[in-house]
Amino acid sequence: MEAVALLLLRLGAGTLRAFAFVQPPPPAQLEAAVASLRALGALDAHEALTPLGGTLARLPLELPLAKMLLLGTLLQTPDAMLTMVAGLAAPSPLSRLQPGRDGSPHPAMLTRRRLLSPMGDAFTLLHVHDAWVEARGTGEDGRRWCRRHGMEEQRLLELLKLKRQFAKANHALPTPAPAP
């Protein structure tokens, strides 16, 4: 509902509560969408679209990921943030690793551990991406690296493709000024 609401406001639909929906959403759903958009900074106190909201509406992403992407640009960490956003938007490259018959951990679990971040999935995906790119850059076979670390290379290739797409979309946008 949040994405639809943001798009309607961007297209000049007036206020969400006064919009003539063909099939109106339940009031609780509309309230939750407005609250979520306010929390993201996409709507102001009068439920009008903010410059940030207008920019978020232009990105082909879930709104929290779109905001992460813009924050990466504002914080001058666009490449890392592009990687994290693409990693969160794509299927996980981490393979399911079954323990051995004797209950011992899968051998790839030991090499994967150094890539896991206590700061959460986004940072783990960043570490995985960076280590894979570095290995490929030194001439190591990407598939072999992925097998050794319990990763799926096809998912990492999808991550790279999304990263390029998001970079192109982000580059085409005006960057909103930080709120006072």
N, C-alpha and C. Protein backbone atom coordinates (compact mmCIF):
# COMPACT_ATOMS: atom_id res chain seq x y z
N MET A 1 0.82 -1.20 0.00
CA MET A 1 0.00 0.00 0.00
C MET A 1 0.87 1.26 0.00
N GLU A 2 2.03 1.19 0.68
CA GLU A 2 2.89 2.37 0.77
C GLU A 2 3.36 2.83 -0.61
N ALA A 3 3.77 1.89 -1.44
CA ALA A 3 4.27 2.24 -2.78
C ALA A 3 3.16 2.85 -3.62
N VAL A 4 1.95 2.30 -3.53
CA VAL A 4 0.81 2.83 -4.28
C VAL A 4 0.49 4.24 -3.79
N ALA A 5 0.46 4.42 -2.48
CA ALA A 5 0.17 5.73 -1.91
C ALA A 5 1.19 6.76 -2.35
N LEU A 6 2.45 6.39 -2.32
CA LEU A 6 3.52 7.31 -2.73
C LEU A 6 3.39 7.68 -4.20
N LEU A 7 3.09 6.70 -5.01
CA LEU A 7 2.93 6.96 -6.44
C LEU A 7 1.74 7.88 -6.71
N LEU A 8 0.64 7.65 -6.02
CA LEU A 8 -0.54 8.51 -6.18
C LEU A 8 -0.21 9.96 -5.82
N LEU A 9 0.50 10.14 -4.72
CA LEU A 9 0.88 11.50 -4.31
C LEU A 9 1.85 12.12 -5.30
N ARG A 10 2.77 11.34 -5.80
CA ARG A 10 3.74 11.85 -6.78
C ARG A 10 3.03 12.28 -8.06
N LEU A 11 1.95 11.58 -8.42
CA LEU A 11 1.19 11.91 -9.62
C LEU A 11 0.20 13.06 -9.40
N GLY A 12 0.19 13.60 -8.18
CA GLY A 12 -0.66 14.75 -7.90
C GLY A 12 -2.09 14.41 -7.54
N ALA A 13 -2.31 13.28 -6.90
CA ALA A 13 -3.66 12.83 -6.56
C ALA A 13 -4.28 13.60 -5.40
N GLY A 14 -3.60 14.56 -4.83
CA GLY A 14 -4.14 15.28 -3.68
C GLY A 14 -3.84 14.51 -2.41
N THR A 15 -4.79 14.45 -1.50
CA THR A 15 -4.57 13.72 -0.26
C THR A 15 -5.05 12.27 -0.41
N LEU A 16 -4.42 11.40 0.31
CA LEU A 16 -4.79 9.99 0.22
C LEU A 16 -6.18 9.73 0.76
N ARG A 17 -6.53 10.42 1.83
CA ARG A 17 -7.85 10.19 2.44
C ARG A 17 -9.00 10.67 1.54
N ALA A 18 -8.73 11.65 0.70
CA ALA A 18 -9.78 12.18 -0.19
C ALA A 18 -9.75 11.54 -1.58
N PHE A 19 -8.76 10.70 -1.85
CA PHE A 19 -8.64 10.10 -3.18
C PHE A 19 -9.80 9.14 -3.43
N ALA A 20 -10.34 9.18 -4.63
CA ALA A 20 -11.48 8.33 -5.00
C ALA A 20 -10.98 6.98 -5.53
N PHE A 21 -10.61 6.11 -4.62
CA PHE A 21 -10.17 4.78 -5.00
C PHE A 21 -11.34 4.03 -5.64
N VAL A 22 -11.08 3.23 -6.66
CA VAL A 22 -12.11 2.39 -7.25
C VAL A 22 -12.58 1.39 -6.20
N GLN A 23 -11.63 0.82 -5.50
CA GLN A 23 -11.93 -0.08 -4.40
C GLN A 23 -11.10 0.39 -3.21
N PRO A 24 -11.68 1.21 -2.34
CA PRO A 24 -10.91 1.79 -1.24
C PRO A 24 -10.31 0.73 -0.32
N PRO A 25 -9.06 0.98 0.12
CA PRO A 25 -8.45 0.05 1.08
C PRO A 25 -9.12 0.21 2.44
N PRO A 26 -9.01 -0.80 3.29
CA PRO A 26 -9.55 -0.65 4.64
C PRO A 26 -8.87 0.54 5.33
N PRO A 27 -9.62 1.31 6.12
CA PRO A 27 -9.04 2.48 6.79
C PRO A 27 -7.77 2.16 7.59
N ALA A 28 -7.74 1.02 8.25
CA ALA A 28 -6.57 0.65 9.05
C ALA A 28 -5.34 0.47 8.14
N GLN A 29 -5.54 -0.06 6.95
CA GLN A 29 -4.43 -0.26 6.01
C GLN A 29 -3.92 1.08 5.51
N LEU A 30 -4.82 2.01 5.24
CA LEU A 30 -4.42 3.34 4.79
C LEU A 30 -3.67 4.07 5.91
N GLU A 31 -4.16 3.95 7.14
CA GLU A 31 -3.49 4.57 8.29
C GLU A 31 -2.08 4.01 8.48
N ALA A 32 -1.95 2.69 8.34
CA ALA A 32 -0.64 2.05 8.49
C ALA A 32 0.31 2.52 7.40
N ALA A 33 -0.19 2.68 6.18
CA ALA A 33 0.65 3.14 5.07
C ALA A 33 1.12 4.57 5.32
N VAL A 34 0.21 5.43 5.77
CA VAL A 34 0.58 6.82 6.05
C VAL A 34 1.61 6.88 7.18
N ALA A 35 1.41 6.09 8.23
CA ALA A 35 2.36 6.06 9.34
C ALA A 35 3.73 5.58 8.88
N SER A 36 3.75 4.56 8.04
CA SER A 36 5.01 4.03 7.51
C SER A 36 5.72 5.06 6.64
N LEU A 37 4.98 5.75 5.79
CA LEU A 37 5.57 6.77 4.92
C LEU A 37 6.09 7.96 5.73
N ARG A 38 5.40 8.30 6.79
CA ARG A 38 5.90 9.36 7.67
C ARG A 38 7.20 8.94 8.33
N ALA A 39 7.23 7.70 8.82
CA ALA A 39 8.44 7.18 9.49
C ALA A 39 9.63 7.16 8.53
N LEU A 40 9.38 6.91 7.26
CA LEU A 40 10.46 6.92 6.26
C LEU A 40 10.87 8.34 5.86
N GLY A 41 10.06 9.33 6.24
CA GLY A 41 10.35 10.71 5.85
C GLY A 41 9.80 11.05 4.47
N ALA A 42 8.92 10.19 3.95
CA ALA A 42 8.35 10.41 2.62
C ALA A 42 7.16 11.37 2.67
N LEU A 43 6.53 11.48 3.83
CA LEU A 43 5.40 12.41 4.02
C LEU A 43 5.72 13.34 5.18
N ASP A 44 5.22 14.57 5.07
CA ASP A 44 5.39 15.51 6.18
C ASP A 44 4.22 15.39 7.14
N ALA A 45 4.15 16.26 8.12
CA ALA A 45 3.10 16.21 9.13
C ALA A 45 1.71 16.43 8.55
N HIS A 46 1.64 17.07 7.39
CA HIS A 46 0.34 17.32 6.74
C HIS A 46 0.03 16.26 5.68
N GLU A 47 0.82 15.20 5.68
CA GLU A 47 0.67 14.08 4.75
C GLU A 47 0.91 14.48 3.30
N ALA A 48 1.72 15.52 3.12
CA ALA A 48 2.14 15.92 1.78
C ALA A 48 3.46 15.24 1.46
N LEU A 49 3.69 15.02 0.21
CA LEU A 49 4.91 14.37 -0.25
C LEU A 49 6.11 15.27 0.01
N THR A 50 7.15 14.71 0.61
CA THR A 50 8.40 15.45 0.84
C THR A 50 9.29 15.26 -0.39
N PRO A 51 10.34 16.07 -0.52
CA PRO A 51 11.28 15.82 -1.62
C PRO A 51 11.86 14.40 -1.57
N LEU A 52 12.13 13.91 -0.37
CA LEU A 52 12.62 12.54 -0.24
C LEU A 52 11.57 11.55 -0.76
N GLY A 53 10.32 11.77 -0.41
CA GLY A 53 9.24 10.89 -0.87
C GLY A 53 9.13 10.87 -2.39
N GLY A 54 9.26 12.05 -3.00
CA GLY A 54 9.21 12.12 -4.46
C GLY A 54 10.35 11.35 -5.10
N THR A 55 11.51 11.41 -4.49
CA THR A 55 12.67 10.69 -5.01
C THR A 55 12.51 9.18 -4.79
N LEU A 56 12.04 8.79 -3.62
CA LEU A 56 11.83 7.37 -3.33
C LEU A 56 10.85 6.74 -4.32
N ALA A 57 9.83 7.50 -4.69
CA ALA A 57 8.80 7.00 -5.61
C ALA A 57 9.37 6.69 -6.99
N ARG A 58 10.50 7.24 -7.32
CA ARG A 58 11.09 7.04 -8.65
C ARG A 58 11.99 5.81 -8.73
N LEU A 59 12.32 5.23 -7.58
CA LEU A 59 13.23 4.09 -7.59
C LEU A 59 12.45 2.77 -7.67
N PRO A 60 12.94 1.82 -8.46
CA PRO A 60 12.25 0.54 -8.63
C PRO A 60 12.57 -0.45 -7.50
N LEU A 61 12.34 0.00 -6.28
CA LEU A 61 12.70 -0.80 -5.10
C LEU A 61 11.65 -0.69 -4.02
N GLU A 62 11.67 -1.65 -3.10
CA GLU A 62 10.86 -1.49 -1.90
C GLU A 62 11.35 -0.23 -1.21
N LEU A 63 10.45 0.51 -0.59
CA LEU A 63 10.79 1.83 -0.06
C LEU A 63 11.94 1.84 0.95
N PRO A 64 12.01 0.90 1.91
CA PRO A 64 13.16 0.94 2.82
C PRO A 64 14.49 0.74 2.08
N LEU A 65 14.50 -0.11 1.06
CA LEU A 65 15.73 -0.31 0.29
C LEU A 65 16.05 0.93 -0.54
N ALA A 66 15.03 1.57 -1.08
CA ALA A 66 15.25 2.81 -1.84
C ALA A 66 15.86 3.87 -0.94
N LYS A 67 15.38 3.96 0.29
CA LYS A 67 15.94 4.95 1.22
C LYS A 67 17.38 4.61 1.57
N MET A 68 17.68 3.32 1.75
CA MET A 68 19.07 2.91 2.00
C MET A 68 19.97 3.37 0.87
N LEU A 69 19.50 3.19 -0.35
CA LEU A 69 20.29 3.56 -1.53
C LEU A 69 20.57 5.06 -1.53
N LEU A 70 19.57 5.86 -1.26
CA LEU A 70 19.76 7.31 -1.22
C LEU A 70 20.67 7.71 -0.06
N LEU A 71 20.51 7.08 1.08
CA LEU A 71 21.38 7.40 2.22
C LEU A 71 22.83 7.07 1.91
N GLY A 72 23.05 5.99 1.17
CA GLY A 72 24.41 5.65 0.76
C GLY A 72 25.05 6.76 -0.05
N THR A 73 24.25 7.38 -0.92
CA THR A 73 24.76 8.50 -1.73
C THR A 73 25.04 9.71 -0.83
N LEU A 74 24.11 10.01 0.05
CA LEU A 74 24.29 11.15 0.94
C LEU A 74 25.47 10.97 1.89
N LEU A 75 25.69 9.73 2.32
CA LEU A 75 26.79 9.45 3.26
C LEU A 75 28.09 9.13 2.54
N GLN A 76 28.07 9.27 1.24
CA GLN A 76 29.24 9.06 0.39
C GLN A 76 29.79 7.64 0.49
N THR A 77 28.87 6.67 0.58
CA THR A 77 29.22 5.25 0.53
C THR A 77 28.35 4.54 -0.49
N PRO A 78 28.25 5.10 -1.70
CA PRO A 78 27.29 4.54 -2.65
C PRO A 78 27.59 3.11 -3.08
N ASP A 79 28.85 2.73 -3.26
CA ASP A 79 29.14 1.39 -3.74
C ASP A 79 28.77 0.34 -2.69
N ALA A 80 29.15 0.57 -1.46
CA ALA A 80 28.81 -0.37 -0.39
C ALA A 80 27.30 -0.47 -0.24
N MET A 81 26.61 0.65 -0.29
CA MET A 81 25.16 0.62 -0.11
C MET A 81 24.48 -0.03 -1.31
N LEU A 82 25.00 0.21 -2.52
CA LEU A 82 24.45 -0.47 -3.70
C LEU A 82 24.58 -1.98 -3.55
N THR A 83 25.71 -2.43 -3.05
CA THR A 83 25.93 -3.86 -2.85
C THR A 83 24.95 -4.41 -1.83
N MET A 84 24.78 -3.71 -0.71
CA MET A 84 23.88 -4.19 0.33
C MET A 84 22.43 -4.22 -0.15
N VAL A 85 22.02 -3.16 -0.83
CA VAL A 85 20.63 -3.09 -1.32
C VAL A 85 20.39 -4.19 -2.36
N ALA A 86 21.32 -4.36 -3.29
CA ALA A 86 21.16 -5.40 -4.31
C ALA A 86 21.15 -6.78 -3.64
N GLY A 87 22.00 -6.96 -2.63
CA GLY A 87 22.03 -8.23 -1.92
C GLY A 87 20.74 -8.53 -1.19
N LEU A 88 20.13 -7.52 -0.62
CA LEU A 88 18.86 -7.71 0.09
C LEU A 88 17.69 -7.88 -0.87
N ALA A 89 17.81 -7.33 -2.07
CA ALA A 89 16.74 -7.43 -3.06
C ALA A 89 16.79 -8.74 -3.85
N ALA A 90 17.95 -9.35 -3.91
CA ALA A 90 18.14 -10.59 -4.67
C ALA A 90 18.00 -11.80 -3.74
N PRO A 91 17.78 -12.98 -4.33
CA PRO A 91 17.80 -14.19 -3.49
C PRO A 91 19.19 -14.36 -2.86
N SER A 92 19.22 -14.91 -1.67
CA SER A 92 20.48 -15.05 -0.94
C SER A 92 21.45 -15.96 -1.68
N PRO A 93 22.72 -15.56 -1.74
CA PRO A 93 23.73 -16.42 -2.38
C PRO A 93 24.22 -17.53 -1.45
N LEU A 94 23.85 -17.50 -0.18
CA LEU A 94 24.32 -18.51 0.77
C LEU A 94 23.55 -19.81 0.56
N SER A 95 24.28 -20.86 0.25
CA SER A 95 23.67 -22.19 0.06
C SER A 95 23.29 -22.78 1.41
N ARG A 96 22.29 -23.64 1.40
CA ARG A 96 21.97 -24.40 2.60
C ARG A 96 23.01 -25.49 2.74
N LEU A 97 23.68 -25.51 3.84
CA LEU A 97 24.74 -26.49 4.06
C LEU A 97 24.27 -27.54 5.06
N GLN A 98 24.20 -28.76 4.61
CA GLN A 98 23.78 -29.87 5.46
C GLN A 98 24.97 -30.39 6.26
N PRO A 99 24.77 -30.67 7.54
CA PRO A 99 25.87 -31.24 8.33
C PRO A 99 26.19 -32.65 7.83
N GLY A 100 27.38 -33.12 8.18
CA GLY A 100 27.76 -34.48 7.82
C GLY A 100 26.91 -35.50 8.53
N ARG A 101 27.01 -36.73 8.11
CA ARG A 101 26.21 -37.81 8.74
C ARG A 101 26.53 -37.96 10.21
N ASP A 102 27.75 -37.62 10.57
CA ASP A 102 28.15 -37.73 11.98
C ASP A 102 27.81 -36.47 12.77
N GLY A 103 27.11 -35.51 12.11
CA GLY A 103 26.73 -34.27 12.79
C GLY A 103 27.76 -33.17 12.71
N SER A 104 28.90 -33.46 12.08
CA SER A 104 29.94 -32.43 11.95
C SER A 104 29.50 -31.36 10.96
N PRO A 105 29.96 -30.13 11.14
CA PRO A 105 29.56 -29.07 10.22
C PRO A 105 30.09 -29.32 8.80
N HIS A 106 29.35 -28.82 7.84
CA HIS A 106 29.77 -28.90 6.43
C HIS A 106 31.12 -28.19 6.31
N PRO A 107 32.06 -28.72 5.53
CA PRO A 107 33.39 -28.09 5.41
C PRO A 107 33.33 -26.62 4.96
N ALA A 108 32.35 -26.28 4.13
CA ALA A 108 32.24 -24.89 3.66
C ALA A 108 31.85 -23.94 4.79
N MET A 109 31.23 -24.48 5.84
CA MET A 109 30.82 -23.63 6.97
C MET A 109 32.02 -22.97 7.62
N LEU A 110 33.11 -23.69 7.67
CA LEU A 110 34.32 -23.15 8.30
C LEU A 110 34.89 -21.98 7.50
N THR A 111 34.89 -22.07 6.17
CA THR A 111 35.42 -20.97 5.37
C THR A 111 34.40 -19.82 5.27
N ARG A 112 33.13 -20.15 5.39
CA ARG A 112 32.09 -19.12 5.31
C ARG A 112 32.08 -18.25 6.56
N ARG A 113 32.42 -18.80 7.70
CA ARG A 113 32.32 -18.09 8.98
C ARG A 113 33.01 -16.73 8.97
N ARG A 114 34.16 -16.65 8.30
CA ARG A 114 34.89 -15.37 8.32
C ARG A 114 34.16 -14.27 7.54
N LEU A 115 33.18 -14.65 6.73
CA LEU A 115 32.42 -13.68 5.95
C LEU A 115 31.16 -13.20 6.67
N LEU A 116 30.75 -13.92 7.69
CA LEU A 116 29.53 -13.58 8.42
C LEU A 116 29.78 -12.35 9.29
N SER A 117 28.82 -11.45 9.32
CA SER A 117 28.96 -10.23 10.11
C SER A 117 28.00 -10.23 11.28
N PRO A 118 28.46 -9.85 12.45
CA PRO A 118 27.55 -9.72 13.59
C PRO A 118 26.61 -8.52 13.43
N MET A 119 26.87 -7.69 12.41
CA MET A 119 26.05 -6.50 12.20
C MET A 119 24.83 -6.78 11.31
N GLY A 120 24.63 -8.02 10.91
CA GLY A 120 23.42 -8.37 10.18
C GLY A 120 23.64 -8.82 8.75
N ASP A 121 22.54 -9.20 8.13
CA ASP A 121 22.56 -9.76 6.78
C ASP A 121 23.15 -8.82 5.75
N ALA A 122 22.82 -7.54 5.82
CA ALA A 122 23.31 -6.59 4.81
C ALA A 122 24.84 -6.56 4.80
N PHE A 123 25.45 -6.57 5.97
CA PHE A 123 26.91 -6.54 6.04
C PHE A 123 27.53 -7.88 5.67
N THR A 124 26.85 -8.97 5.99
CA THR A 124 27.31 -10.29 5.54
C THR A 124 27.31 -10.33 4.02
N LEU A 125 26.24 -9.86 3.40
CA LEU A 125 26.17 -9.85 1.93
C LEU A 125 27.26 -8.97 1.33
N LEU A 126 27.56 -7.86 1.97
CA LEU A 126 28.64 -7.00 1.50
C LEU A 126 29.98 -7.73 1.58
N HIS A 127 30.23 -8.42 2.70
CA HIS A 127 31.49 -9.17 2.85
C HIS A 127 31.60 -10.28 1.82
N VAL A 128 30.50 -11.01 1.61
CA VAL A 128 30.49 -12.10 0.63
C VAL A 128 30.79 -11.55 -0.76
N HIS A 129 30.09 -10.51 -1.14
CA HIS A 129 30.29 -9.89 -2.47
C HIS A 129 31.74 -9.45 -2.64
N ASP A 130 32.24 -8.69 -1.67
CA ASP A 130 33.59 -8.15 -1.79
C ASP A 130 34.65 -9.25 -1.86
N ALA A 131 34.49 -10.29 -1.06
CA ALA A 131 35.47 -11.39 -1.07
C ALA A 131 35.41 -12.14 -2.40
N TRP A 132 34.22 -12.35 -2.92
CA TRP A 132 34.05 -13.04 -4.21
C TRP A 132 34.65 -12.21 -5.34
N VAL A 133 34.37 -10.91 -5.36
CA VAL A 133 34.93 -10.03 -6.39
C VAL A 133 36.45 -10.00 -6.30
N GLU A 134 36.97 -9.92 -5.07
CA GLU A 134 38.42 -9.91 -4.88
C GLU A 134 39.05 -11.22 -5.38
N ALA A 135 38.43 -12.34 -5.06
CA ALA A 135 38.96 -13.64 -5.50
C ALA A 135 38.97 -13.72 -7.02
N ARG A 136 37.89 -13.29 -7.64
CA ARG A 136 37.83 -13.31 -9.10
C ARG A 136 38.85 -12.36 -9.71
N GLY A 137 39.08 -11.23 -9.03
CA GLY A 137 40.05 -10.25 -9.51
C GLY A 137 41.49 -10.75 -9.47
N THR A 138 41.75 -11.71 -8.60
CA THR A 138 43.11 -12.27 -8.51
C THR A 138 43.26 -13.51 -9.39
N GLY A 139 42.23 -13.80 -10.20
CA GLY A 139 42.32 -14.92 -11.14
C GLY A 139 41.73 -16.22 -10.64
N GLU A 140 41.19 -16.22 -9.42
CA GLU A 140 40.58 -17.45 -8.91
C GLU A 140 39.26 -17.71 -9.63
N ASP A 141 38.97 -18.96 -9.87
CA ASP A 141 37.70 -19.34 -10.50
C ASP A 141 36.56 -19.04 -9.53
N GLY A 142 35.58 -18.27 -9.99
CA GLY A 142 34.46 -17.86 -9.14
C GLY A 142 33.63 -19.03 -8.65
N ARG A 143 33.41 -20.02 -9.51
CA ARG A 143 32.62 -21.19 -9.10
C ARG A 143 33.33 -21.98 -8.01
N ARG A 144 34.61 -22.13 -8.19
CA ARG A 144 35.39 -22.88 -7.19
C ARG A 144 35.34 -22.14 -5.86
N TRP A 145 35.50 -20.81 -5.88
CA TRP A 145 35.43 -20.02 -4.65
C TRP A 145 34.07 -20.22 -3.99
N CYS A 146 33.02 -20.17 -4.80
CA CYS A 146 31.66 -20.32 -4.26
C CYS A 146 31.47 -21.70 -3.62
N ARG A 147 31.93 -22.74 -4.27
CA ARG A 147 31.80 -24.09 -3.69
C ARG A 147 32.54 -24.18 -2.35
N ARG A 148 33.73 -23.60 -2.30
CA ARG A 148 34.54 -23.65 -1.08
C ARG A 148 33.87 -22.89 0.08
N HIS A 149 33.09 -21.86 -0.25
CA HIS A 149 32.46 -21.03 0.78
C HIS A 149 30.96 -21.31 0.95
N GLY A 150 30.45 -22.29 0.21
CA GLY A 150 29.02 -22.61 0.33
C GLY A 150 28.14 -21.51 -0.22
N MET A 151 28.49 -21.00 -1.39
CA MET A 151 27.72 -19.93 -2.04
C MET A 151 27.22 -20.40 -3.40
N GLU A 152 26.24 -19.70 -3.92
CA GLU A 152 25.73 -19.96 -5.25
C GLU A 152 26.16 -18.81 -6.15
N GLU A 153 27.04 -19.11 -7.10
CA GLU A 153 27.57 -18.06 -7.96
C GLU A 153 26.49 -17.38 -8.78
N GLN A 154 25.49 -18.12 -9.22
CA GLN A 154 24.41 -17.51 -10.02
C GLN A 154 23.74 -16.39 -9.24
N ARG A 155 23.57 -16.57 -7.94
CA ARG A 155 22.95 -15.52 -7.10
C ARG A 155 23.86 -14.30 -6.99
N LEU A 156 25.17 -14.54 -6.92
CA LEU A 156 26.10 -13.42 -6.87
C LEU A 156 26.12 -12.67 -8.21
N LEU A 157 25.97 -13.39 -9.30
CA LEU A 157 25.88 -12.73 -10.61
C LEU A 157 24.60 -11.90 -10.71
N GLU A 158 23.50 -12.42 -10.15
CA GLU A 158 22.25 -11.66 -10.11
C GLU A 158 22.42 -10.40 -9.27
N LEU A 159 23.13 -10.52 -8.15
CA LEU A 159 23.41 -9.37 -7.29
C LEU A 159 24.16 -8.30 -8.09
N LEU A 160 25.17 -8.70 -8.86
CA LEU A 160 25.91 -7.73 -9.67
C LEU A 160 25.02 -7.04 -10.70
N LYS A 161 24.14 -7.82 -11.31
CA LYS A 161 23.23 -7.25 -12.31
C LYS A 161 22.30 -6.22 -11.66
N LEU A 162 21.73 -6.58 -10.52
CA LEU A 162 20.87 -5.63 -9.80
C LEU A 162 21.65 -4.39 -9.37
N LYS A 163 22.86 -4.60 -8.92
CA LYS A 163 23.69 -3.48 -8.48
C LYS A 163 23.89 -2.48 -9.62
N ARG A 164 24.15 -2.98 -10.81
CA ARG A 164 24.31 -2.09 -11.98
C ARG A 164 23.01 -1.36 -12.29
N GLN A 165 21.89 -2.09 -12.24
CA GLN A 165 20.59 -1.47 -12.52
C GLN A 165 20.27 -0.38 -11.50
N PHE A 166 20.51 -0.67 -10.22
CA PHE A 166 20.22 0.31 -9.17
C PHE A 166 21.15 1.50 -9.27
N ALA A 167 22.40 1.28 -9.65
CA ALA A 167 23.35 2.39 -9.81
C ALA A 167 22.87 3.31 -10.92
N LYS A 168 22.40 2.74 -12.00
CA LYS A 168 21.90 3.54 -13.13
C LYS A 168 20.67 4.34 -12.71
N ALA A 169 19.75 3.69 -12.02
CA ALA A 169 18.54 4.39 -11.56
C ALA A 169 18.88 5.47 -10.55
N ASN A 170 19.80 5.18 -9.65
CA ASN A 170 20.20 6.15 -8.62
C ASN A 170 20.92 7.35 -9.25
N HIS A 171 21.74 7.08 -10.23
CA HIS A 171 22.50 8.15 -10.88
C HIS A 171 21.57 9.12 -11.61
N ALA A 172 20.45 8.63 -12.10
CA ALA A 172 19.52 9.47 -12.86
C ALA A 172 18.65 10.36 -11.95
N LEU A 173 18.72 10.13 -10.66
CA LEU A 173 17.86 10.87 -9.72
C LEU A 173 18.54 12.10 -9.17
N PRO A 174 17.73 13.14 -8.91
CA PRO A 174 18.28 14.24 -8.12
C PRO A 174 18.37 13.78 -6.68
N THR A 175 19.47 14.07 -6.01
CA THR A 175 19.62 13.67 -4.62
C THR A 175 18.98 14.72 -3.73
N PRO A 176 18.03 14.31 -2.88
CA PRO A 176 17.39 15.29 -1.99
C PRO A 176 18.38 15.79 -0.94
N ALA A 177 18.20 17.02 -0.56
CA ALA A 177 19.03 17.58 0.50
C ALA A 177 18.62 16.97 1.83
N PRO A 178 19.56 16.78 2.75
CA PRO A 178 19.19 16.22 4.06
C PRO A 178 18.22 17.14 4.77
N ALA A 179 17.30 16.55 5.52
CA ALA A 179 16.33 17.34 6.27
C ALA A 179 17.03 18.11 7.37
N PRO A 180 16.54 19.31 7.69
CA PRO A 180 17.19 20.11 8.75
C PRO A 180 17.02 19.48 10.10
